[in-house]
Amino acid sequence: GKDLRERLNQPGAGSAAVDDNNSND
């Protein structure tokens, strides 16, 4: 849907989860 697509494409969206997992590795 439009709202989900916009949320996924916001600057910085999702990067915290990836960065947290990479730092744990």
mmCIF file of all heavy atoms, coordinates in Angstrom:
data_MODEL
# 
_entry.id   MODEL 
# 
loop_
_atom_site.group_PDB 
_atom_site.id 
_atom_site.type_symbol 
_atom_site.label_atom_id 
_atom_site.label_alt_id 
_atom_site.label_comp_id 
_atom_site.label_asym_id 
_atom_site.label_entity_id 
_atom_site.label_seq_id 
_atom_site.pdbx_PDB_ins_code 
_atom_site.Cartn_x 
_atom_site.Cartn_y 
_atom_site.Cartn_z 
_atom_site.occupancy 
_atom_site.B_iso_or_equiv 
_atom_site.pdbx_formal_charge 
_atom_site.auth_seq_id 
_atom_site.auth_comp_id 
_atom_site.auth_asym_id 
_atom_site.auth_atom_id 
_atom_site.pdbx_PDB_model_num 
ATOM 1   N N   . GLY A 1 1  ? 0.834  -1.189  0.000  1.00 0.00 ? 1  GLY A N   1 
ATOM 2   C CA  . GLY A 1 1  ? 0.000  0.000   0.000  1.00 0.00 ? 1  GLY A CA  1 
ATOM 3   C C   . GLY A 1 1  ? 0.872  1.244   0.000  1.00 0.00 ? 1  GLY A C   1 
ATOM 4   O O   . GLY A 1 1  ? 2.074  1.200   0.290  1.00 0.00 ? 1  GLY A O   1 
ATOM 5   N N   . LYS A 1 2  ? 0.247  2.370   -0.285 1.00 0.00 ? 2  LYS A N   1 
ATOM 6   C CA  . LYS A 1 2  ? 0.977  3.621   -0.412 1.00 0.00 ? 2  LYS A CA  1 
ATOM 7   C C   . LYS A 1 2  ? 1.706  3.994   0.881  1.00 0.00 ? 2  LYS A C   1 
ATOM 8   O O   . LYS A 1 2  ? 2.883  4.361   0.854  1.00 0.00 ? 2  LYS A O   1 
ATOM 9   C CB  . LYS A 1 2  ? 0.013  4.737   -0.808 1.00 0.00 ? 2  LYS A CB  1 
ATOM 10  C CG  . LYS A 1 2  ? 0.677  6.076   -0.996 1.00 0.00 ? 2  LYS A CG  1 
ATOM 11  C CD  . LYS A 1 2  ? -0.328 7.142   -1.375 1.00 0.00 ? 2  LYS A CD  1 
ATOM 12  C CE  . LYS A 1 2  ? 0.358  8.494   -1.462 1.00 0.00 ? 2  LYS A CE  1 
ATOM 13  N NZ  . LYS A 1 2  ? -0.616 9.563   -1.671 1.00 0.00 ? 2  LYS A NZ  1 
ATOM 14  N N   . ASP A 1 3  ? 1.030  3.909   2.032  1.00 0.00 ? 3  ASP A N   1 
ATOM 15  C CA  . ASP A 1 3  ? 1.659  4.308   3.298  1.00 0.00 ? 3  ASP A CA  1 
ATOM 16  C C   . ASP A 1 3  ? 2.861  3.431   3.627  1.00 0.00 ? 3  ASP A C   1 
ATOM 17  O O   . ASP A 1 3  ? 3.893  3.922   4.069  1.00 0.00 ? 3  ASP A O   1 
ATOM 18  C CB  . ASP A 1 3  ? 0.657  4.256   4.452  1.00 0.00 ? 3  ASP A CB  1 
ATOM 19  C CG  . ASP A 1 3  ? -0.327 5.420   4.417  1.00 0.00 ? 3  ASP A CG  1 
ATOM 20  O OD1 . ASP A 1 3  ? -0.190 6.302   3.547  1.00 0.00 ? 3  ASP A OD1 1 
ATOM 21  O OD2 . ASP A 1 3  ? -1.245 5.437   5.276  1.00 0.00 ? 3  ASP A OD2 1 
ATOM 22  N N   . LEU A 1 4  ? 2.752  2.116   3.428  1.00 0.00 ? 4  LEU A N   1 
ATOM 23  C CA  . LEU A 1 4  ? 3.864  1.215   3.698  1.00 0.00 ? 4  LEU A CA  1 
ATOM 24  C C   . LEU A 1 4  ? 5.037  1.517   2.771  1.00 0.00 ? 4  LEU A C   1 
ATOM 25  O O   . LEU A 1 4  ? 6.183  1.593   3.196  1.00 0.00 ? 4  LEU A O   1 
ATOM 26  C CB  . LEU A 1 4  ? 3.435  -0.248  3.552  1.00 0.00 ? 4  LEU A CB  1 
ATOM 27  C CG  . LEU A 1 4  ? 4.532  -1.291  3.727  1.00 0.00 ? 4  LEU A CG  1 
ATOM 28  C CD1 . LEU A 1 4  ? 5.187  -1.178  5.103  1.00 0.00 ? 4  LEU A CD1 1 
ATOM 29  C CD2 . LEU A 1 4  ? 3.979  -2.692  3.512  1.00 0.00 ? 4  LEU A CD2 1 
ATOM 30  N N   . ARG A 1 5  ? 4.742  1.707   1.498  1.00 0.00 ? 5  ARG A N   1 
ATOM 31  C CA  . ARG A 1 5  ? 5.790  2.006   0.520  1.00 0.00 ? 5  ARG A CA  1 
ATOM 32  C C   . ARG A 1 5  ? 6.527  3.294   0.898  1.00 0.00 ? 5  ARG A C   1 
ATOM 33  O O   . ARG A 1 5  ? 7.758  3.356   0.868  1.00 0.00 ? 5  ARG A O   1 
ATOM 34  C CB  . ARG A 1 5  ? 5.155  2.133   -0.864 1.00 0.00 ? 5  ARG A CB  1 
ATOM 35  C CG  . ARG A 1 5  ? 6.044  1.828   -2.006 1.00 0.00 ? 5  ARG A CG  1 
ATOM 36  C CD  . ARG A 1 5  ? 5.347  1.723   -3.366 1.00 0.00 ? 5  ARG A CD  1 
ATOM 37  N NE  . ARG A 1 5  ? 4.115  2.448   -3.541 1.00 0.00 ? 5  ARG A NE  1 
ATOM 38  C CZ  . ARG A 1 5  ? 2.896  1.885   -3.569 1.00 0.00 ? 5  ARG A CZ  1 
ATOM 39  N NH1 . ARG A 1 5  ? 2.754  0.591   -3.416 1.00 0.00 ? 5  ARG A NH1 1 
ATOM 40  N NH2 . ARG A 1 5  ? 1.820  2.623   -3.745 1.00 0.00 ? 5  ARG A NH2 1 
ATOM 41  N N   . GLU A 1 6  ? 5.771  4.320   1.306  1.00 0.00 ? 6  GLU A N   1 
ATOM 42  C CA  . GLU A 1 6  ? 6.397  5.585   1.702  1.00 0.00 ? 6  GLU A CA  1 
ATOM 43  C C   . GLU A 1 6  ? 7.240  5.407   2.962  1.00 0.00 ? 6  GLU A C   1 
ATOM 44  O O   . GLU A 1 6  ? 8.335  5.955   3.059  1.00 0.00 ? 6  GLU A O   1 
ATOM 45  C CB  . GLU A 1 6  ? 5.328  6.655   1.926  1.00 0.00 ? 6  GLU A CB  1 
ATOM 46  C CG  . GLU A 1 6  ? 4.705  7.147   0.640  1.00 0.00 ? 6  GLU A CG  1 
ATOM 47  C CD  . GLU A 1 6  ? 3.537  8.095   0.854  1.00 0.00 ? 6  GLU A CD  1 
ATOM 48  O OE1 . GLU A 1 6  ? 3.149  8.345   2.025  1.00 0.00 ? 6  GLU A OE1 1 
ATOM 49  O OE2 . GLU A 1 6  ? 3.005  8.586   -0.150 1.00 0.00 ? 6  GLU A OE2 1 
ATOM 50  N N   . ARG A 1 7  ? 6.739  4.617   3.911  1.00 0.00 ? 7  ARG A N   1 
ATOM 51  C CA  . ARG A 1 7  ? 7.491  4.393   5.158  1.00 0.00 ? 7  ARG A CA  1 
ATOM 52  C C   . ARG A 1 7  ? 8.804  3.665   4.879  1.00 0.00 ? 7  ARG A C   1 
ATOM 53  O O   . ARG A 1 7  ? 9.836  3.969   5.474  1.00 0.00 ? 7  ARG A O   1 
ATOM 54  C CB  . ARG A 1 7  ? 6.635  3.594   6.126  1.00 0.00 ? 7  ARG A CB  1 
ATOM 55  C CG  . ARG A 1 7  ? 7.268  3.427   7.466  1.00 0.00 ? 7  ARG A CG  1 
ATOM 56  C CD  . ARG A 1 7  ? 6.316  2.801   8.444  1.00 0.00 ? 7  ARG A CD  1 
ATOM 57  N NE  . ARG A 1 7  ? 6.932  2.772   9.753  1.00 0.00 ? 7  ARG A NE  1 
ATOM 58  C CZ  . ARG A 1 7  ? 6.333  2.386   10.840 1.00 0.00 ? 7  ARG A CZ  1 
ATOM 59  N NH1 . ARG A 1 7  ? 5.080  2.005   10.784 1.00 0.00 ? 7  ARG A NH1 1 
ATOM 60  N NH2 . ARG A 1 7  ? 6.959  2.376   11.983 1.00 0.00 ? 7  ARG A NH2 1 
ATOM 61  N N   . LEU A 1 8  ? 8.764  2.703   3.986  1.00 0.00 ? 8  LEU A N   1 
ATOM 62  C CA  . LEU A 1 8  ? 9.966  1.949   3.655  1.00 0.00 ? 8  LEU A CA  1 
ATOM 63  C C   . LEU A 1 8  ? 10.998 2.790   2.927  1.00 0.00 ? 8  LEU A C   1 
ATOM 64  O O   . LEU A 1 8  ? 12.195 2.515   3.014  1.00 0.00 ? 8  LEU A O   1 
ATOM 65  C CB  . LEU A 1 8  ? 9.616  0.734   2.786  1.00 0.00 ? 8  LEU A CB  1 
ATOM 66  C CG  . LEU A 1 8  ? 8.769  -0.348  3.444  1.00 0.00 ? 8  LEU A CG  1 
ATOM 67  C CD1 . LEU A 1 8  ? 8.393  -1.407  2.426  1.00 0.00 ? 8  LEU A CD1 1 
ATOM 68  C CD2 . LEU A 1 8  ? 9.490  -0.962  4.619  1.00 0.00 ? 8  LEU A CD2 1 
ATOM 69  N N   . ASN A 1 9  ? 10.541 3.817   2.243  1.00 0.00 ? 9  ASN A N   1 
ATOM 70  C CA  . ASN A 1 9  ? 11.452 4.635   1.443  1.00 0.00 ? 9  ASN A CA  1 
ATOM 71  C C   . ASN A 1 9  ? 11.832 5.954   2.094  1.00 0.00 ? 9  ASN A C   1 
ATOM 72  O O   . ASN A 1 9  ? 12.442 6.805   1.454  1.00 0.00 ? 9  ASN A O   1 
ATOM 73  C CB  . ASN A 1 9  ? 10.849 4.878   0.056  1.00 0.00 ? 9  ASN A CB  1 
ATOM 74  C CG  . ASN A 1 9  ? 10.867 3.609   -0.757 1.00 0.00 ? 9  ASN A CG  1 
ATOM 75  O OD1 . ASN A 1 9  ? 11.921 3.041   -0.999 1.00 0.00 ? 9  ASN A OD1 1 
ATOM 76  N ND2 . ASN A 1 9  ? 9.698  3.141   -1.145 1.00 0.00 ? 9  ASN A ND2 1 
ATOM 77  N N   . GLN A 1 10 ? 11.513 6.139   3.375  1.00 0.00 ? 10 GLN A N   1 
ATOM 78  C CA  . GLN A 1 10 ? 11.949 7.323   4.102  1.00 0.00 ? 10 GLN A CA  1 
ATOM 79  C C   . GLN A 1 10 ? 13.455 7.232   4.318  1.00 0.00 ? 10 GLN A C   1 
ATOM 80  O O   . GLN A 1 10 ? 13.975 6.135   4.540  1.00 0.00 ? 10 GLN A O   1 
ATOM 81  C CB  . GLN A 1 10 ? 11.260 7.410   5.461  1.00 0.00 ? 10 GLN A CB  1 
ATOM 82  C CG  . GLN A 1 10 ? 9.809  7.765   5.395  1.00 0.00 ? 10 GLN A CG  1 
ATOM 83  C CD  . GLN A 1 10 ? 9.160  7.736   6.769  1.00 0.00 ? 10 GLN A CD  1 
ATOM 84  O OE1 . GLN A 1 10 ? 9.740  7.298   7.751  1.00 0.00 ? 10 GLN A OE1 1 
ATOM 85  N NE2 . GLN A 1 10 ? 7.931  8.209   6.827  1.00 0.00 ? 10 GLN A NE2 1 
ATOM 86  N N   . PRO A 1 11 ? 14.144 8.352   4.292  1.00 0.00 ? 11 PRO A N   1 
ATOM 87  C CA  . PRO A 1 11 ? 15.586 8.316   4.569  1.00 0.00 ? 11 PRO A CA  1 
ATOM 88  C C   . PRO A 1 11 ? 15.857 7.703   5.944  1.00 0.00 ? 11 PRO A C   1 
ATOM 89  O O   . PRO A 1 11 ? 15.213 8.051   6.915  1.00 0.00 ? 11 PRO A O   1 
ATOM 90  C CB  . PRO A 1 11 ? 15.983 9.796   4.542  1.00 0.00 ? 11 PRO A CB  1 
ATOM 91  C CG  . PRO A 1 11 ? 14.925 10.464  3.728  1.00 0.00 ? 11 PRO A CG  1 
ATOM 92  C CD  . PRO A 1 11 ? 13.659 9.678   3.971  1.00 0.00 ? 11 PRO A CD  1 
ATOM 93  N N   . GLY A 1 12 ? 16.772 6.742   5.989  1.00 0.00 ? 12 GLY A N   1 
ATOM 94  C CA  . GLY A 1 12 ? 17.141 6.101   7.245  1.00 0.00 ? 12 GLY A CA  1 
ATOM 95  C C   . GLY A 1 12 ? 16.225 4.983   7.698  1.00 0.00 ? 12 GLY A C   1 
ATOM 96  O O   . GLY A 1 12 ? 16.478 4.361   8.716  1.00 0.00 ? 12 GLY A O   1 
ATOM 97  N N   . ALA A 1 13 ? 15.147 4.704   6.966  1.00 0.00 ? 13 ALA A N   1 
ATOM 98  C CA  . ALA A 1 13 ? 14.215 3.647   7.370  1.00 0.00 ? 13 ALA A CA  1 
ATOM 99  C C   . ALA A 1 13 ? 14.899 2.296   7.325  1.00 0.00 ? 13 ALA A C   1 
ATOM 100 O O   . ALA A 1 13 ? 15.531 1.933   6.347  1.00 0.00 ? 13 ALA A O   1 
ATOM 101 C CB  . ALA A 1 13 ? 12.997 3.636   6.453  1.00 0.00 ? 13 ALA A CB  1 
ATOM 102 N N   . GLY A 1 14 ? 14.823 1.562   8.418  1.00 0.00 ? 14 GLY A N   1 
ATOM 103 C CA  . GLY A 1 14 ? 15.359 0.211   8.474  1.00 0.00 ? 14 GLY A CA  1 
ATOM 104 C C   . GLY A 1 14 ? 16.838 0.113   8.754  1.00 0.00 ? 14 GLY A C   1 
ATOM 105 O O   . GLY A 1 14 ? 17.334 -0.951  9.041  1.00 0.00 ? 14 GLY A O   1 
ATOM 106 N N   . SER A 1 15 ? 17.571 1.208   8.710  1.00 0.00 ? 15 SER A N   1 
ATOM 107 C CA  . SER A 1 15 ? 19.021 1.115   8.889  1.00 0.00 ? 15 SER A CA  1 
ATOM 108 C C   . SER A 1 15 ? 19.401 0.779   10.326 1.00 0.00 ? 15 SER A C   1 
ATOM 109 O O   . SER A 1 15 ? 20.401 0.131   10.562 1.00 0.00 ? 15 SER A O   1 
ATOM 110 C CB  . SER A 1 15 ? 19.698 2.414   8.462  1.00 0.00 ? 15 SER A CB  1 
ATOM 111 O OG  . SER A 1 15 ? 19.251 3.492   9.257  1.00 0.00 ? 15 SER A OG  1 
ATOM 112 N N   . ALA A 1 16 ? 18.590 1.172   11.302 1.00 0.00 ? 16 ALA A N   1 
ATOM 113 C CA  . ALA A 1 16 ? 18.917 0.891   12.702 1.00 0.00 ? 16 ALA A CA  1 
ATOM 114 C C   . ALA A 1 16 ? 18.934 -0.599  12.973 1.00 0.00 ? 16 ALA A C   1 
ATOM 115 O O   . ALA A 1 16 ? 19.819 -1.103  13.652 1.00 0.00 ? 16 ALA A O   1 
ATOM 116 C CB  . ALA A 1 16 ? 17.920 1.591   13.618 1.00 0.00 ? 16 ALA A CB  1 
ATOM 117 N N   . ALA A 1 17 ? 17.956 -1.321  12.408 1.00 0.00 ? 17 ALA A N   1 
ATOM 118 C CA  . ALA A 1 17 ? 17.899 -2.769  12.634 1.00 0.00 ? 17 ALA A CA  1 
ATOM 119 C C   . ALA A 1 17 ? 19.112 -3.458  12.032 1.00 0.00 ? 17 ALA A C   1 
ATOM 120 O O   . ALA A 1 17 ? 19.710 -4.330  12.645 1.00 0.00 ? 17 ALA A O   1 
ATOM 121 C CB  . ALA A 1 17 ? 16.615 -3.337  12.036 1.00 0.00 ? 17 ALA A CB  1 
ATOM 122 N N   . VAL A 1 18 ? 19.501 -3.044  10.852 1.00 0.00 ? 18 VAL A N   1 
ATOM 123 C CA  . VAL A 1 18 ? 20.654 -3.655  10.202 1.00 0.00 ? 18 VAL A CA  1 
ATOM 124 C C   . VAL A 1 18 ? 21.925 -3.318  10.964 1.00 0.00 ? 18 VAL A C   1 
ATOM 125 O O   . VAL A 1 18 ? 22.757 -4.169  11.228 1.00 0.00 ? 18 VAL A O   1 
ATOM 126 C CB  . VAL A 1 18 ? 20.756 -3.194  8.723  1.00 0.00 ? 18 VAL A CB  1 
ATOM 127 C CG1 . VAL A 1 18 ? 22.050 -3.672  8.103  1.00 0.00 ? 18 VAL A CG1 1 
ATOM 128 C CG2 . VAL A 1 18 ? 19.577 -3.720  7.930  1.00 0.00 ? 18 VAL A CG2 1 
ATOM 129 N N   . ASP A 1 19 ? 22.077 -2.039  11.368 1.00 0.00 ? 19 ASP A N   1 
ATOM 130 C CA  . ASP A 1 19 ? 23.274 -1.624  12.099 1.00 0.00 ? 19 ASP A CA  1 
ATOM 131 C C   . ASP A 1 19 ? 23.381 -2.349  13.436 1.00 0.00 ? 19 ASP A C   1 
ATOM 132 O O   . ASP A 1 19 ? 24.450 -2.775  13.837 1.00 0.00 ? 19 ASP A O   1 
ATOM 133 C CB  . ASP A 1 19 ? 23.266 -0.116  12.329 1.00 0.00 ? 19 ASP A CB  1 
ATOM 134 C CG  . ASP A 1 19 ? 23.491 0.654   11.040 1.00 0.00 ? 19 ASP A CG  1 
ATOM 135 O OD1 . ASP A 1 19 ? 23.955 0.050   10.054 1.00 0.00 ? 19 ASP A OD1 1 
ATOM 136 O OD2 . ASP A 1 19 ? 23.188 1.856   11.034 1.00 0.00 ? 19 ASP A OD2 1 
ATOM 137 N N   . ASP A 1 20 ? 22.253 -2.518  14.154 1.00 0.00 ? 20 ASP A N   1 
ATOM 138 C CA  . ASP A 1 20 ? 22.275 -3.227  15.433 1.00 0.00 ? 20 ASP A CA  1 
ATOM 139 C C   . ASP A 1 20 ? 22.723 -4.656  15.257 1.00 0.00 ? 20 ASP A C   1 
ATOM 140 O O   . ASP A 1 20 ? 23.521 -5.164  16.025 1.00 0.00 ? 20 ASP A O   1 
ATOM 141 C CB  . ASP A 1 20 ? 20.889 -3.216  16.095 1.00 0.00 ? 20 ASP A CB  1 
ATOM 142 C CG  . ASP A 1 20 ? 20.520 -1.861  16.652 1.00 0.00 ? 20 ASP A CG  1 
ATOM 143 O OD1 . ASP A 1 20 ? 21.428 -1.012  16.781 1.00 0.00 ? 20 ASP A OD1 1 
ATOM 144 O OD2 . ASP A 1 20 ? 19.338 -1.646  16.961 1.00 0.00 ? 20 ASP A OD2 1 
ATOM 145 N N   . ASN A 1 21 ? 22.207 -5.324  14.227 1.00 0.00 ? 21 ASN A N   1 
ATOM 146 C CA  . ASN A 1 21 ? 22.586 -6.709  13.999 1.00 0.00 ? 21 ASN A CA  1 
ATOM 147 C C   . ASN A 1 21 ? 24.042 -6.846  13.572 1.00 0.00 ? 21 ASN A C   1 
ATOM 148 O O   . ASN A 1 21 ? 24.728 -7.773  13.959 1.00 0.00 ? 21 ASN A O   1 
ATOM 149 C CB  . ASN A 1 21 ? 21.671 -7.360  12.956 1.00 0.00 ? 21 ASN A CB  1 
ATOM 150 C CG  . ASN A 1 21 ? 20.297 -7.641  13.535 1.00 0.00 ? 21 ASN A CG  1 
ATOM 151 O OD1 . ASN A 1 21 ? 20.141 -7.786  14.752 1.00 0.00 ? 21 ASN A OD1 1 
ATOM 152 N ND2 . ASN A 1 21 ? 19.304 -7.707  12.669 1.00 0.00 ? 21 ASN A ND2 1 
ATOM 153 N N   . ASN A 1 22 ? 24.517 -5.911  12.779 1.00 0.00 ? 22 ASN A N   1 
ATOM 154 C CA  . ASN A 1 22 ? 25.911 -5.973  12.353 1.00 0.00 ? 22 ASN A CA  1 
ATOM 155 C C   . ASN A 1 22 ? 26.850 -5.743  13.527 1.00 0.00 ? 22 ASN A C   1 
ATOM 156 O O   . ASN A 1 22 ? 27.889 -6.366  13.618 1.00 0.00 ? 22 ASN A O   1 
ATOM 157 C CB  . ASN A 1 22 ? 26.186 -4.921  11.250 1.00 0.00 ? 22 ASN A CB  1 
ATOM 158 C CG  . ASN A 1 22 ? 25.587 -5.333  9.939  1.00 0.00 ? 22 ASN A CG  1 
ATOM 159 O OD1 . ASN A 1 22 ? 25.268 -6.494  9.739  1.00 0.00 ? 22 ASN A OD1 1 
ATOM 160 N ND2 . ASN A 1 22 ? 25.413 -4.386  9.041  1.00 0.00 ? 22 ASN A ND2 1 
ATOM 161 N N   . SER A 1 23 ? 26.498 -4.850  14.439 1.00 0.00 ? 23 SER A N   1 
ATOM 162 C CA  . SER A 1 23 ? 27.376 -4.589  15.578 1.00 0.00 ? 23 SER A CA  1 
ATOM 163 C C   . SER A 1 23 ? 27.422 -5.797  16.510 1.00 0.00 ? 23 SER A C   1 
ATOM 164 O O   . SER A 1 23 ? 28.429 -6.052  17.140 1.00 0.00 ? 23 SER A O   1 
ATOM 165 C CB  . SER A 1 23 ? 26.933 -3.340  16.336 1.00 0.00 ? 23 SER A CB  1 
ATOM 166 O OG  . SER A 1 23 ? 25.645 -3.531  16.903 1.00 0.00 ? 23 SER A OG  1 
ATOM 167 N N   . ASN A 1 24 ? 26.334 -6.563  16.593 1.00 0.00 ? 24 ASN A N   1 
ATOM 168 C CA  . ASN A 1 24 ? 26.324 -7.766  17.423 1.00 0.00 ? 24 ASN A CA  1 
ATOM 169 C C   . ASN A 1 24 ? 27.208 -8.849  16.847 1.00 0.00 ? 24 ASN A C   1 
ATOM 170 O O   . ASN A 1 24 ? 27.746 -9.673  17.570 1.00 0.00 ? 24 ASN A O   1 
ATOM 171 C CB  . ASN A 1 24 ? 24.903 -8.298  17.597 1.00 0.00 ? 24 ASN A CB  1 
ATOM 172 C CG  . ASN A 1 24 ? 24.053 -7.395  18.466 1.00 0.00 ? 24 ASN A CG  1 
ATOM 173 O OD1 . ASN A 1 24 ? 24.589 -6.596  19.236 1.00 0.00 ? 24 ASN A OD1 1 
ATOM 174 N ND2 . ASN A 1 24 ? 22.747 -7.501  18.335 1.00 0.00 ? 24 ASN A ND2 1 
ATOM 175 N N   . ASP A 1 25 ? 27.343 -8.874  15.534 1.00 0.00 ? 25 ASP A N   1 
ATOM 176 C CA  . ASP A 1 25 ? 28.158 -9.899  14.879 1.00 0.00 ? 25 ASP A CA  1 
ATOM 177 C C   . ASP A 1 25 ? 29.644 -9.711  15.164 1.00 0.00 ? 25 ASP A C   1 
ATOM 178 O O   . ASP A 1 25 ? 30.427 -10.644 15.079 1.00 0.00 ? 25 ASP A O   1 
ATOM 179 C CB  . ASP A 1 25 ? 27.945 -9.890  13.363 1.00 0.00 ? 25 ASP A CB  1 
ATOM 180 C CG  . ASP A 1 25 ? 26.547 -10.365 12.981 1.00 0.00 ? 25 ASP A CG  1 
ATOM 181 O OD1 . ASP A 1 25 ? 25.885 -11.013 13.824 1.00 0.00 ? 25 ASP A OD1 1 
ATOM 182 O OD2 . ASP A 1 25 ? 26.153 -10.100 11.843 1.00 0.00 ? 25 ASP A OD2 1 
# 
